[in-house]
Amino acid sequence: MKFAISGFKHANKDVRDAAYNLILNIYKYIGDNVRNYFKDLRPVQINALDEGFDKLDGLNEELNNNQKGNKNQKAQEEYNNRQTSPNKAQKQGGSGGGGQGNNSDSDDGNFINDK
């Protein structure tokens, strides 16, 4: 593990990437015990590893699914609000005589049937 951590601190990006993948693979087998070796890492490096661990654990997938569910729920609520709002506007505009030319069949029908 010390070898992987020293590779993760290396100046060469390819070495860091290989060490990152190695640490993630070690995490699959050892689990949270790999965190004991993070003492010399910068917070940015620890965050990158934590994100990788979360992906392995499936936590990000759950969060994404919850966020998608919330977005879908919000979209459904907005759609429902749009569907009910025009009906309210038509009912209010239709009974006021001389409105904005409401041509719906729900009026008394004089405008449409007299032609």
PDB file of N, CA and C in Angstrom:
ATOM      1  N   MET A   1       0.828  -1.184   0.000  1.00  0.00           N
ATOM      2  CA  MET A   1       0.000   0.000   0.000  1.00  0.00           C
ATOM      3  C   MET A   1       0.881   1.260   0.000  1.00  0.00           C
ATOM      4  N   LYS A   2       1.976   1.223   0.689  1.00  0.00           N
ATOM      5  CA  LYS A   2       2.877   2.372   0.707  1.00  0.00           C
ATOM      6  C   LYS A   2       3.389   2.672  -0.700  1.00  0.00           C
ATOM      7  N   PHE A   3       3.624   1.628  -1.464  1.00  0.00           N
ATOM      8  CA  PHE A   3       4.082   1.792  -2.843  1.00  0.00           C
ATOM      9  C   PHE A   3       3.020   2.510  -3.675  1.00  0.00           C
ATOM     10  N   ALA A   4       1.766   2.131  -3.496  1.00  0.00           N
ATOM     11  CA  ALA A   4       0.673   2.741  -4.253  1.00  0.00           C
ATOM     12  C   ALA A   4       0.496   4.207  -3.858  1.00  0.00           C
ATOM     13  N   ILE A   5       0.608   4.497  -2.582  1.00  0.00           N
ATOM     14  CA  ILE A   5       0.465   5.878  -2.119  1.00  0.00           C
ATOM     15  C   ILE A   5       1.601   6.740  -2.655  1.00  0.00           C
ATOM     16  N   SER A   6       2.818   6.217  -2.652  1.00  0.00           N
ATOM     17  CA  SER A   6       3.932   7.009  -3.191  1.00  0.00           C
ATOM     18  C   SER A   6       3.752   7.231  -4.693  1.00  0.00           C
ATOM     19  N   GLY A   7       3.196   6.267  -5.403  1.00  0.00           N
ATOM     20  CA  GLY A   7       2.892   6.440  -6.821  1.00  0.00           C
ATOM     21  C   GLY A   7       1.795   7.467  -7.042  1.00  0.00           C
ATOM     22  N   PHE A   8       0.842   7.542  -6.110  1.00  0.00           N
ATOM     23  CA  PHE A   8      -0.252   8.499  -6.223  1.00  0.00           C
ATOM     24  C   PHE A   8       0.240   9.926  -6.008  1.00  0.00           C
ATOM     25  N   LYS A   9       1.366  10.086  -5.350  1.00  0.00           N
ATOM     26  CA  LYS A   9       1.959  11.415  -5.129  1.00  0.00           C
ATOM     27  C   LYS A   9       2.996  11.756  -6.201  1.00  0.00           C
ATOM     28  N   HIS A  10       3.225  10.890  -7.151  1.00  0.00           N
ATOM     29  CA  HIS A  10       4.259  11.067  -8.178  1.00  0.00           C
ATOM     30  C   HIS A  10       3.940  12.249  -9.092  1.00  0.00           C
ATOM     31  N   ALA A  11       4.971  12.852  -9.685  1.00  0.00           N
ATOM     32  CA  ALA A  11       4.800  14.009 -10.571  1.00  0.00           C
ATOM     33  C   ALA A  11       4.203  13.638 -11.922  1.00  0.00           C
ATOM     34  N   ASN A  12       4.432  12.424 -12.387  1.00  0.00           N
ATOM     35  CA  ASN A  12       3.954  11.984 -13.688  1.00  0.00           C
ATOM     36  C   ASN A  12       2.487  11.549 -13.582  1.00  0.00           C
ATOM     37  N   LYS A  13       1.637  12.107 -14.447  1.00  0.00           N
ATOM     38  CA  LYS A  13       0.200  11.810 -14.418  1.00  0.00           C
ATOM     39  C   LYS A  13      -0.092  10.337 -14.678  1.00  0.00           C
ATOM     40  N   ASP A  14       0.651   9.712 -15.576  1.00  0.00           N
ATOM     41  CA  ASP A  14       0.430   8.294 -15.871  1.00  0.00           C
ATOM     42  C   ASP A  14       0.704   7.430 -14.644  1.00  0.00           C
ATOM     43  N   VAL A  15       1.733   7.787 -13.905  1.00  0.00           N
ATOM     44  CA  VAL A  15       2.058   7.044 -12.679  1.00  0.00           C
ATOM     45  C   VAL A  15       0.952   7.242 -11.648  1.00  0.00           C
ATOM     46  N   ARG A  16       0.480   8.493 -11.506  1.00  0.00           N
ATOM     47  CA  ARG A  16      -0.607   8.781 -10.558  1.00  0.00           C
ATOM     48  C   ARG A  16      -1.871   8.014 -10.932  1.00  0.00           C
ATOM     49  N   ASP A  17      -2.195   7.987 -12.228  1.00  0.00           N
ATOM     50  CA  ASP A  17      -3.395   7.269 -12.677  1.00  0.00           C
ATOM     51  C   ASP A  17      -3.295   5.778 -12.391  1.00  0.00           C
ATOM     52  N   ALA A  18      -2.125   5.206 -12.647  1.00  0.00           N
ATOM     53  CA  ALA A  18      -1.932   3.787 -12.368  1.00  0.00           C
ATOM     54  C   ALA A  18      -2.036   3.505 -10.866  1.00  0.00           C
ATOM     55  N   ALA A  19      -1.461   4.391 -10.055  1.00  0.00           N
ATOM     56  CA  ALA A  19      -1.531   4.228  -8.604  1.00  0.00           C
ATOM     57  C   ALA A  19      -2.970   4.383  -8.104  1.00  0.00           C
ATOM     58  N   TYR A  20      -3.692   5.309  -8.689  1.00  0.00           N
ATOM     59  CA  TYR A  20      -5.106   5.507  -8.336  1.00  0.00           C
ATOM     60  C   TYR A  20      -5.897   4.223  -8.587  1.00  0.00           C
ATOM     61  N   ASN A  21      -5.709   3.648  -9.761  1.00  0.00           N
ATOM     62  CA  ASN A  21      -6.416   2.403 -10.085  1.00  0.00           C
ATOM     63  C   ASN A  21      -5.994   1.266  -9.161  1.00  0.00           C
ATOM     64  N   LEU A  22      -4.715   1.228  -8.824  1.00  0.00           N
ATOM     65  CA  LEU A  22      -4.226   0.202  -7.904  1.00  0.00           C
ATOM     66  C   LEU A  22      -4.875   0.361  -6.531  1.00  0.00           C
ATOM     67  N   ILE A  23      -4.953   1.597  -6.042  1.00  0.00           N
ATOM     68  CA  ILE A  23      -5.568   1.845  -4.738  1.00  0.00           C
ATOM     69  C   ILE A  23      -7.044   1.445  -4.757  1.00  0.00           C
ATOM     70  N   LEU A  24      -7.739   1.751  -5.844  1.00  0.00           N
ATOM     71  CA  LEU A  24      -9.151   1.353  -5.941  1.00  0.00           C
ATOM     72  C   LEU A  24      -9.297  -0.164  -5.930  1.00  0.00           C
ATOM     73  N   ASN A  25      -8.382  -0.862  -6.614  1.00  0.00           N
ATOM     74  CA  ASN A  25      -8.440  -2.323  -6.605  1.00  0.00           C
ATOM     75  C   ASN A  25      -8.113  -2.892  -5.229  1.00  0.00           C
ATOM     76  N   ILE A  26      -7.184  -2.288  -4.545  1.00  0.00           N
ATOM     77  CA  ILE A  26      -6.877  -2.737  -3.182  1.00  0.00           C
ATOM     78  C   ILE A  26      -8.085  -2.498  -2.283  1.00  0.00           C
ATOM     79  N   TYR A  27      -8.752  -1.375  -2.475  1.00  0.00           N
ATOM     80  CA  TYR A  27      -9.944  -1.050  -1.690  1.00  0.00           C
ATOM     81  C   TYR A  27     -11.022  -2.113  -1.860  1.00  0.00           C
ATOM     82  N   LYS A  28     -11.145  -2.678  -3.050  1.00  0.00           N
ATOM     83  CA  LYS A  28     -12.143  -3.728  -3.287  1.00  0.00           C
ATOM     84  C   LYS A  28     -11.946  -4.905  -2.341  1.00  0.00           C
ATOM     85  N   TYR A  29     -10.685  -5.207  -2.027  1.00  0.00           N
ATOM     86  CA  TYR A  29     -10.382  -6.382  -1.211  1.00  0.00           C
ATOM     87  C   TYR A  29     -10.232  -6.051   0.277  1.00  0.00           C
ATOM     88  N   ILE A  30      -9.688  -4.879   0.579  1.00  0.00           N
ATOM     89  CA  ILE A  30      -9.395  -4.549   1.971  1.00  0.00           C
ATOM     90  C   ILE A  30     -10.487  -3.693   2.590  1.00  0.00           C
ATOM     91  N   GLY A  31     -11.070  -2.820   1.811  1.00  0.00           N
ATOM     92  CA  GLY A  31     -12.108  -1.938   2.336  1.00  0.00           C
ATOM     93  C   GLY A  31     -11.528  -0.669   2.931  1.00  0.00           C
ATOM     94  N   ASP A  32     -12.200  -0.161   3.949  1.00  0.00           N
ATOM     95  CA  ASP A  32     -11.838   1.131   4.541  1.00  0.00           C
ATOM     96  C   ASP A  32     -10.475   1.145   5.218  1.00  0.00           C
ATOM     97  N   ASN A  33      -9.859   0.037   5.406  1.00  0.00           N
ATOM     98  CA  ASN A  33      -8.529   0.012   6.030  1.00  0.00           C
ATOM     99  C   ASN A  33      -7.485   0.746   5.183  1.00  0.00           C
ATOM    100  N   VAL A  34      -7.741   0.930   3.896  1.00  0.00           N
ATOM    101  CA  VAL A  34      -6.782   1.662   3.067  1.00  0.00           C
ATOM    102  C   VAL A  34      -6.692   3.123   3.489  1.00  0.00           C
ATOM    103  N   ARG A  35      -7.702   3.626   4.149  1.00  0.00           N
ATOM    104  CA  ARG A  35      -7.715   5.023   4.578  1.00  0.00           C
ATOM    105  C   ARG A  35      -6.636   5.307   5.622  1.00  0.00           C
ATOM    106  N   ASN A  36      -6.139   4.293   6.271  1.00  0.00           N
ATOM    107  CA  ASN A  36      -5.073   4.466   7.262  1.00  0.00           C
ATOM    108  C   ASN A  36      -3.787   4.986   6.623  1.00  0.00           C
ATOM    109  N   TYR A  37      -3.659   4.851   5.326  1.00  0.00           N
ATOM    110  CA  TYR A  37      -2.437   5.249   4.618  1.00  0.00           C
ATOM    111  C   TYR A  37      -2.542   6.642   3.994  1.00  0.00           C
ATOM    112  N   PHE A  38      -3.610   7.365   4.260  1.00  0.00           N
ATOM    113  CA  PHE A  38      -3.853   8.658   3.620  1.00  0.00           C
ATOM    114  C   PHE A  38      -3.236   9.842   4.351  1.00  0.00           C
ATOM    115  N   LYS A  39      -2.464   9.604   5.383  1.00  0.00           N
ATOM    116  CA  LYS A  39      -1.931  10.683   6.228  1.00  0.00           C
ATOM    117  C   LYS A  39      -1.138  11.721   5.449  1.00  0.00           C
ATOM    118  N   ASP A  40      -0.359  11.299   4.474  1.00  0.00           N
ATOM    119  CA  ASP A  40       0.515  12.213   3.743  1.00  0.00           C
ATOM    120  C   ASP A  40      -0.113  12.782   2.473  1.00  0.00           C
ATOM    121  N   LEU A  41      -1.361  12.439   2.198  1.00  0.00           N
ATOM    122  CA  LEU A  41      -2.009  12.919   0.972  1.00  0.00           C
ATOM    123  C   LEU A  41      -2.667  14.276   1.197  1.00  0.00           C
ATOM    124  N   ARG A  42      -2.744  15.022   0.115  1.00  0.00           N
ATOM    125  CA  ARG A  42      -3.442  16.306   0.157  1.00  0.00           C
ATOM    126  C   ARG A  42      -4.953  16.065   0.145  1.00  0.00           C
ATOM    127  N   PRO A  43      -5.726  17.020   0.657  1.00  0.00           N
ATOM    128  CA  PRO A  43      -7.193  16.856   0.689  1.00  0.00           C
ATOM    129  C   PRO A  43      -7.795  16.595  -0.691  1.00  0.00           C
ATOM    130  N   VAL A  44      -7.244  17.203  -1.727  1.00  0.00           N
ATOM    131  CA  VAL A  44      -7.760  16.985  -3.083  1.00  0.00           C
ATOM    132  C   VAL A  44      -7.570  15.522  -3.492  1.00  0.00           C
ATOM    133  N   GLN A  45      -6.433  14.962  -3.141  1.00  0.00           N
ATOM    134  CA  GLN A  45      -6.161  13.566  -3.469  1.00  0.00           C
ATOM    135  C   GLN A  45      -7.087  12.632  -2.684  1.00  0.00           C
ATOM    136  N   ILE A  46      -7.299  12.960  -1.422  1.00  0.00           N
ATOM    137  CA  ILE A  46      -8.199  12.143  -0.596  1.00  0.00           C
ATOM    138  C   ILE A  46      -9.617  12.201  -1.159  1.00  0.00           C
ATOM    139  N   ASN A  47     -10.053  13.394  -1.579  1.00  0.00           N
ATOM    140  CA  ASN A  47     -11.395  13.531  -2.168  1.00  0.00           C
ATOM    141  C   ASN A  47     -11.524  12.707  -3.445  1.00  0.00           C
ATOM    142  N   ALA A  48     -10.482  12.709  -4.267  1.00  0.00           N
ATOM    143  CA  ALA A  48     -10.511  11.920  -5.509  1.00  0.00           C
ATOM    144  C   ALA A  48     -10.646  10.442  -5.182  1.00  0.00           C
ATOM    145  N   LEU A  49      -9.910   9.979  -4.186  1.00  0.00           N
ATOM    146  CA  LEU A  49     -10.009   8.571  -3.797  1.00  0.00           C
ATOM    147  C   LEU A  49     -11.381   8.270  -3.197  1.00  0.00           C
ATOM    148  N   ASP A  50     -11.891   9.173  -2.377  1.00  0.00           N
ATOM    149  CA  ASP A  50     -13.218   8.963  -1.788  1.00  0.00           C
ATOM    150  C   ASP A  50     -14.290   8.849  -2.868  1.00  0.00           C
ATOM    151  N   GLU A  51     -14.180   9.673  -3.902  1.00  0.00           N
ATOM    152  CA  GLU A  51     -15.142   9.585  -5.011  1.00  0.00           C
ATOM    153  C   GLU A  51     -15.034   8.240  -5.713  1.00  0.00           C
ATOM    154  N   GLY A  52     -13.817   7.780  -5.908  1.00  0.00           N
ATOM    155  CA  GLY A  52     -13.620   6.472  -6.516  1.00  0.00           C
ATOM    156  C   GLY A  52     -14.178   5.359  -5.653  1.00  0.00           C
ATOM    157  N   PHE A  53     -13.984   5.466  -4.342  1.00  0.00           N
ATOM    158  CA  PHE A  53     -14.522   4.462  -3.421  1.00  0.00           C
ATOM    159  C   PHE A  53     -16.053   4.475  -3.452  1.00  0.00           C
ATOM    160  N   ASP A  54     -16.630   5.665  -3.490  1.00  0.00           N
ATOM    161  CA  ASP A  54     -18.092   5.781  -3.543  1.00  0.00           C
ATOM    162  C   ASP A  54     -18.645   5.138  -4.806  1.00  0.00           C
ATOM    163  N   LYS A  55     -17.950   5.323  -5.918  1.00  0.00           N
ATOM    164  CA  LYS A  55     -18.396   4.689  -7.167  1.00  0.00           C
ATOM    165  C   LYS A  55     -18.343   3.171  -7.045  1.00  0.00           C
ATOM    166  N   LEU A  56     -17.283   2.675  -6.425  1.00  0.00           N
ATOM    167  CA  LEU A  56     -17.174   1.234  -6.237  1.00  0.00           C
ATOM    168  C   LEU A  56     -18.273   0.714  -5.325  1.00  0.00           C
ATOM    169  N   ASP A  57     -18.605   1.495  -4.329  1.00  0.00           N
ATOM    170  CA  ASP A  57     -19.633   1.081  -3.372  1.00  0.00           C
ATOM    171  C   ASP A  57     -21.043   1.262  -3.916  1.00  0.00           C
ATOM    172  N   GLY A  58     -21.170   2.005  -5.019  1.00  0.00           N
ATOM    173  CA  GLY A  58     -22.483   2.246  -5.604  1.00  0.00           C
ATOM    174  C   GLY A  58     -23.224   3.407  -4.966  1.00  0.00           C
ATOM    175  N   LEU A  59     -22.571   4.166  -4.086  1.00  0.00           N
ATOM    176  CA  LEU A  59     -23.249   5.276  -3.437  1.00  0.00           C
ATOM    177  C   LEU A  59     -23.609   6.362  -4.420  1.00  0.00           C
ATOM    178  N   ASN A  60     -22.755   6.648  -5.372  1.00  0.00           N
ATOM    179  CA  ASN A  60     -23.060   7.683  -6.351  1.00  0.00           C
ATOM    180  C   ASN A  60     -24.248   7.284  -7.210  1.00  0.00           C
ATOM    181  N   GLU A  61     -24.361   5.999  -7.513  1.00  0.00           N
ATOM    182  CA  GLU A  61     -25.496   5.553  -8.318  1.00  0.00           C
ATOM    183  C   GLU A  61     -26.797   5.796  -7.566  1.00  0.00           C
ATOM    184  N   GLU A  62     -26.796   5.501  -6.255  1.00  0.00           N
ATOM    185  CA  GLU A  62     -27.998   5.737  -5.463  1.00  0.00           C
ATOM    186  C   GLU A  62     -28.329   7.214  -5.413  1.00  0.00           C
ATOM    187  N   LEU A  63     -27.299   8.056  -5.208  1.00  0.00           N
ATOM    188  CA  LEU A  63     -27.531   9.493  -5.171  1.00  0.00           C
ATOM    189  C   LEU A  63     -28.051   9.995  -6.504  1.00  0.00           C
ATOM    190  N   ASN A  64     -27.461   9.538  -7.596  1.00  0.00           N
ATOM    191  CA  ASN A  64     -27.915   9.959  -8.921  1.00  0.00           C
ATOM    192  C   ASN A  64     -29.348   9.523  -9.165  1.00  0.00           C
ATOM    193  N   ASN A  65     -29.688   8.291  -8.762  1.00  0.00           N
ATOM    194  CA  ASN A  65     -31.052   7.816  -8.947  1.00  0.00           C
ATOM    195  C   ASN A  65     -32.026   8.650  -8.135  1.00  0.00           C
ATOM    196  N   ASN A  66     -31.639   9.018  -6.905  1.00  0.00           N
ATOM    197  CA  ASN A  66     -32.510   9.853  -6.089  1.00  0.00           C
ATOM    198  C   ASN A  66     -32.674  11.225  -6.710  1.00  0.00           C
ATOM    199  N   GLN A  67     -31.590  11.791  -7.230  1.00  0.00           N
ATOM    200  CA  GLN A  67     -31.673  13.095  -7.863  1.00  0.00           C
ATOM    201  C   GLN A  67     -32.515  13.023  -9.127  1.00  0.00           C
ATOM    202  N   LYS A  68     -32.355  11.956  -9.906  1.00  0.00           N
ATOM    203  CA  LYS A  68     -33.176  11.812 -11.107  1.00  0.00           C
ATOM    204  C   LYS A  68     -34.630  11.667 -10.726  1.00  0.00           C
ATOM    205  N   GLY A  69     -34.888  10.915  -9.654  1.00  0.00           N
ATOM    206  CA  GLY A  69     -36.256  10.759  -9.184  1.00  0.00           C
ATOM    207  C   GLY A  69     -36.846  12.086  -8.762  1.00  0.00           C
ATOM    208  N   ASN A  70     -36.056  12.893  -8.066  1.00  0.00           N
ATOM    209  CA  ASN A  70     -36.524  14.214  -7.652  1.00  0.00           C
ATOM    210  C   ASN A  70     -36.782  15.098  -8.859  1.00  0.00           C
ATOM    211  N   LYS A  71     -35.890  15.029  -9.868  1.00  0.00           N
ATOM    212  CA  LYS A  71     -36.092  15.826 -11.076  1.00  0.00           C
ATOM    213  C   LYS A  71     -37.347  15.382 -11.799  1.00  0.00           C
ATOM    214  N   ASN A  72     -37.552  14.062 -11.888  1.00  0.00           N
ATOM    215  CA  ASN A  72     -38.745  13.553 -12.560  1.00  0.00           C
ATOM    216  C   ASN A  72     -39.999  13.962 -11.806  1.00  0.00           C
ATOM    217  N   GLN A  73     -39.922  13.929 -10.475  1.00  0.00           N
ATOM    218  CA  GLN A  73     -41.068  14.318  -9.678  1.00  0.00           C
ATOM    219  C   GLN A  73     -41.373  15.799  -9.878  1.00  0.00           C
ATOM    220  N   LYS A  74     -40.331  16.636  -9.892  1.00  0.00           N
ATOM    221  CA  LYS A  74     -40.533  18.066 -10.108  1.00  0.00           C
ATOM    222  C   LYS A  74     -41.103  18.328 -11.496  1.00  0.00           C
ATOM    223  N   ALA A  75     -40.595  17.619 -12.491  1.00  0.00           N
ATOM    224  CA  ALA A  75     -41.094  17.795 -13.850  1.00  0.00           C
ATOM    225  C   ALA A  75     -42.572  17.392 -13.932  1.00  0.00           C
ATOM    226  N   GLN A  76     -42.935  16.311 -13.256  1.00  0.00           N
ATOM    227  CA  GLN A  76     -44.329  15.866 -13.254  1.00  0.00           C
ATOM    228  C   GLN A  76     -45.216  16.895 -12.563  1.00  0.00           C
ATOM    229  N   GLU A  77     -44.723  17.468 -11.462  1.00  0.00           N
ATOM    230  CA  GLU A  77     -45.506  18.493 -10.771  1.00  0.00           C
ATOM    231  C   GLU A  77     -45.691  19.729 -11.651  1.00  0.00           C
ATOM    232  N   GLU A  78     -44.625  20.145 -12.336  1.00  0.00           N
ATOM    233  CA  GLU A  78     -44.741  21.296 -13.232  1.00  0.00           C
ATOM    234  C   GLU A  78     -45.727  21.009 -14.356  1.00  0.00           C
ATOM    235  N   TYR A  79     -45.668  19.803 -14.904  1.00  0.00           N
ATOM    236  CA  TYR A  79     -46.589  19.417 -15.975  1.00  0.00           C
ATOM    237  C   TYR A  79     -48.029  19.462 -15.463  1.00  0.00           C
ATOM    238  N   ASN A  80     -48.240  18.914 -14.277  1.00  0.00           N
ATOM    239  CA  ASN A  80     -49.587  18.927 -13.703  1.00  0.00           C
ATOM    240  C   ASN A  80     -50.068  20.347 -13.450  1.00  0.00           C
ATOM    241  N   ASN A  81     -49.179  21.207 -12.980  1.00  0.00           N
ATOM    242  CA  ASN A  81     -49.550  22.601 -12.741  1.00  0.00           C
ATOM    243  C   ASN A  81     -49.922  23.295 -14.046  1.00  0.00           C
ATOM    244  N   ARG A  82     -49.200  23.017 -15.103  1.00  0.00           N
ATOM    245  CA  ARG A  82     -49.507  23.620 -16.405  1.00  0.00           C
ATOM    246  C   ARG A  82     -50.840  23.123 -16.933  1.00  0.00           C
ATOM    247  N   GLN A  83     -51.154  21.866 -16.644  1.00  0.00           N
ATOM    248  CA  GLN A  83     -52.405  21.303 -17.122  1.00  0.00           C
ATOM    249  C   GLN A  83     -53.596  21.898 -16.391  1.00  0.00           C
ATOM    250  N   THR A  84     -53.450  22.194 -15.109  1.00  0.00           N
ATOM    251  CA  THR A  84     -54.574  22.736 -14.353  1.00  0.00           C
ATOM    252  C   THR A  84     -54.676  24.238 -14.502  1.00  0.00           C
ATOM    253  N   SER A  85     -53.588  24.932 -14.689  1.00  0.00           N
ATOM    254  CA  SER A  85     -53.623  26.400 -14.790  1.00  0.00           C
ATOM    255  C   SER A  85     -54.392  26.890 -16.003  1.00  0.00           C
ATOM    256  N   PRO A  86     -54.190  26.343 -17.213  1.00  0.00           N
ATOM    257  CA  PRO A  86     -54.969  26.831 -18.360  1.00  0.00           C
ATOM    258  C   PRO A  86     -56.461  26.607 -18.172  1.00  0.00           C
ATOM    259  N   ASN A  87     -56.876  25.528 -17.547  1.00  0.00           N
ATOM    260  CA  ASN A  87     -58.296  25.275 -17.323  1.00  0.00           C
ATOM    261  C   ASN A  87     -58.897  26.335 -16.417  1.00  0.00           C
ATOM    262  N   LYS A  88     -58.149  26.711 -15.378  1.00  0.00           N
ATOM    263  CA  LYS A  88     -58.630  27.755 -14.482  1.00  0.00           C
ATOM    264  C   LYS A  88     -58.735  29.074 -15.222  1.00  0.00           C
ATOM    265  N   ALA A  89     -57.767  29.380 -16.063  1.00  0.00           N
ATOM    266  CA  ALA A  89     -57.771  30.633 -16.809  1.00  0.00           C
ATOM    267  C   ALA A  89     -58.930  30.670 -17.793  1.00  0.00           C
ATOM    268  N   GLN A  90     -59.246  29.549 -18.437  1.00  0.00           N
ATOM    269  CA  GLN A  90     -60.345  29.507 -19.388  1.00  0.00           C
ATOM    270  C   GLN A  90     -61.673  29.713 -18.685  1.00  0.00           C
ATOM    271  N   LYS A  91     -61.839  29.097 -17.523  1.00  0.00           N
ATOM    272  CA  LYS A  91     -63.091  29.246 -16.795  1.00  0.00           C
ATOM    273  C   LYS A  91     -63.285  30.678 -16.353  1.00  0.00           C
ATOM    274  N   GLN A  92     -62.202  31.320 -15.895  1.00  0.00           N
ATOM    275  CA  GLN A  92     -62.306  32.699 -15.457  1.00  0.00           C
ATOM    276  C   GLN A  92     -62.511  33.626 -16.650  1.00  0.00           C
ATOM    277  N   GLY A  93     -61.825  33.400 -17.745  1.00  0.00           N
ATOM    278  CA  GLY A  93     -61.929  34.264 -18.919  1.00  0.00           C
ATOM    279  C   GLY A  93     -63.228  34.052 -19.661  1.00  0.00           C
ATOM    280  N   GLY A  94     -63.820  32.868 -19.656  1.00  0.00           N
ATOM    281  CA  GLY A  94     -65.014  32.546 -20.408  1.00  0.00           C
ATOM    282  C   GLY A  94     -66.266  33.156 -19.830  1.00  0.00           C
ATOM    283  N   SER A  95     -66.301  33.411 -18.529  1.00  0.00           N
ATOM    284  CA  SER A  95     -67.517  33.921 -17.918  1.00  0.00           C
ATOM    285  C   SER A  95     -67.557  35.430 -17.886  1.00  0.00           C
ATOM    286  N   GLY A  96     -66.524  36.083 -18.325  1.00  0.00           N
ATOM    287  CA  GLY A  96     -66.428  37.529 -18.190  1.00  0.00           C
ATOM    288  C   GLY A  96     -66.921  38.291 -19.396  1.00  0.00           C
ATOM    289  N   GLY A  97     -67.600  37.831 -20.344  1.00  0.00           N
ATOM    290  CA  GLY A  97     -68.117  38.534 -21.508  1.00  0.00           C
ATOM    291  C   GLY A  97     -67.149  39.552 -22.084  1.00  0.00           C
ATOM    292  N   GLY A  98     -66.772  39.439 -23.321  1.00  0.00           N
ATOM    293  CA  GLY A  98     -65.830  40.354 -23.940  1.00  0.00           C
ATOM    294  C   GLY A  98     -64.398  40.051 -23.557  1.00  0.00           C
ATOM    295  N   GLY A  99     -64.123  38.815 -23.219  1.00  0.00           N
ATOM    296  CA  GLY A  99     -62.768  38.406 -22.844  1.00  0.00           C
ATOM    297  C   GLY A  99     -61.849  38.418 -24.040  1.00  0.00           C
ATOM    298  N   GLN A 100     -60.932  37.522 -24.089  1.00  0.00           N
ATOM    299  CA  GLN A 100     -59.943  37.505 -25.162  1.00  0.00           C
ATOM    300  C   GLN A 100     -60.301  36.488 -26.231  1.00  0.00           C
ATOM    301  N   GLY A 101     -61.515  36.423 -26.632  1.00  0.00           N
ATOM    302  CA  GLY A 101     -61.906  35.560 -27.743  1.00  0.00           C
ATOM    303  C   GLY A 101     -61.818  34.093 -27.418  1.00  0.00           C
ATOM    304  N   ASN A 102     -62.432  33.678 -26.375  1.00  0.00           N
ATOM    305  CA  ASN A 102     -62.413  32.284 -25.997  1.00  0.00           C
ATOM    306  C   ASN A 102     -63.356  31.517 -26.908  1.00  0.00           C
ATOM    307  N   ASN A 103     -62.847  30.638 -27.761  1.00  0.00           N
ATOM    308  CA  ASN A 103     -63.642  29.908 -28.744  1.00  0.00           C
ATOM    309  C   ASN A 103     -63.928  28.486 -28.295  1.00  0.00           C
ATOM    310  N   SER A 104     -63.971  28.219 -27.016  1.00  0.00           N
ATOM    311  CA  SER A 104     -64.162  26.836 -26.574  1.00  0.00           C
ATOM    312  C   SER A 104     -65.629  26.468 -26.647  1.00  0.00           C
ATOM    313  N   ASP A 105     -65.893  25.194 -26.732  1.00  0.00           N
ATOM    314  CA  ASP A 105     -67.254  24.691 -26.780  1.00  0.00           C
ATOM    315  C   ASP A 105     -67.946  24.801 -25.437  1.00  0.00           C
ATOM    316  N   SER A 106     -67.199  25.095 -24.373  1.00  0.00           N
ATOM    317  CA  SER A 106     -67.804  25.156 -23.055  1.00  0.00           C
ATOM    318  C   SER A 106     -68.585  26.449 -22.840  1.00  0.00           C
ATOM    319  N   ASP A 107     -68.483  27.428 -23.750  1.00  0.00           N
ATOM    320  CA  ASP A 107     -69.310  28.636 -23.663  1.00  0.00           C
ATOM    321  C   ASP A 107     -70.734  28.296 -24.057  1.00  0.00           C
ATOM    322  N   ASP A 108     -71.565  29.282 -24.247  1.00  0.00           N
ATOM    323  CA  ASP A 108     -72.948  29.020 -24.592  1.00  0.00           C
ATOM    324  C   ASP A 108     -73.137  28.510 -26.010  1.00  0.00           C
ATOM    325  N   GLY A 109     -72.072  28.524 -26.833  1.00  0.00           N
ATOM    326  CA  GLY A 109     -72.110  27.946 -28.170  1.00  0.00           C
ATOM    327  C   GLY A 109     -72.581  28.921 -29.240  1.00  0.00           C
ATOM    328  N   ASN A 110     -72.996  30.135 -28.915  1.00  0.00           N
ATOM    329  CA  ASN A 110     -73.529  31.071 -29.909  1.00  0.00           C
ATOM    330  C   ASN A 110     -72.498  31.418 -30.964  1.00  0.00           C
ATOM    331  N   PHE A 111     -71.273  31.619 -30.565  1.00  0.00           N
ATOM    332  CA  PHE A 111     -70.252  32.030 -31.515  1.00  0.00           C
ATOM    333  C   PHE A 111     -69.984  30.951 -32.545  1.00  0.00           C
ATOM    334  N   ILE A 112     -69.910  29.713 -32.132  1.00  0.00           N
ATOM    335  CA  ILE A 112     -69.559  28.613 -33.017  1.00  0.00           C
ATOM    336  C   ILE A 112     -70.758  28.134 -33.815  1.00  0.00           C
ATOM    337  N   ASN A 113     -71.897  27.980 -33.175  1.00  0.00           N
ATOM    338  CA  ASN A 113     -73.062  27.358 -33.833  1.00  0.00           C
ATOM    339  C   ASN A 113     -73.813  28.328 -34.737  1.00  0.00           C
ATOM    340  N   ASP A 114     -73.661  29.620 -34.597  1.00  0.00           N
ATOM    341  CA  ASP A 114     -74.408  30.585 -35.414  1.00  0.00           C
ATOM    342  C   ASP A 114     -73.871  30.731 -36.803  1.00  0.00           C
ATOM    343  N   LYS A 115     -72.774  30.180 -37.130  1.00  0.00           N
ATOM    344  CA  LYS A 115     -72.204  30.363 -38.460  1.00  0.00           C
ATOM    345  C   LYS A 115     -72.887  29.550 -39.482  1.00  0.00           C
TER     346      LYS A 115
END
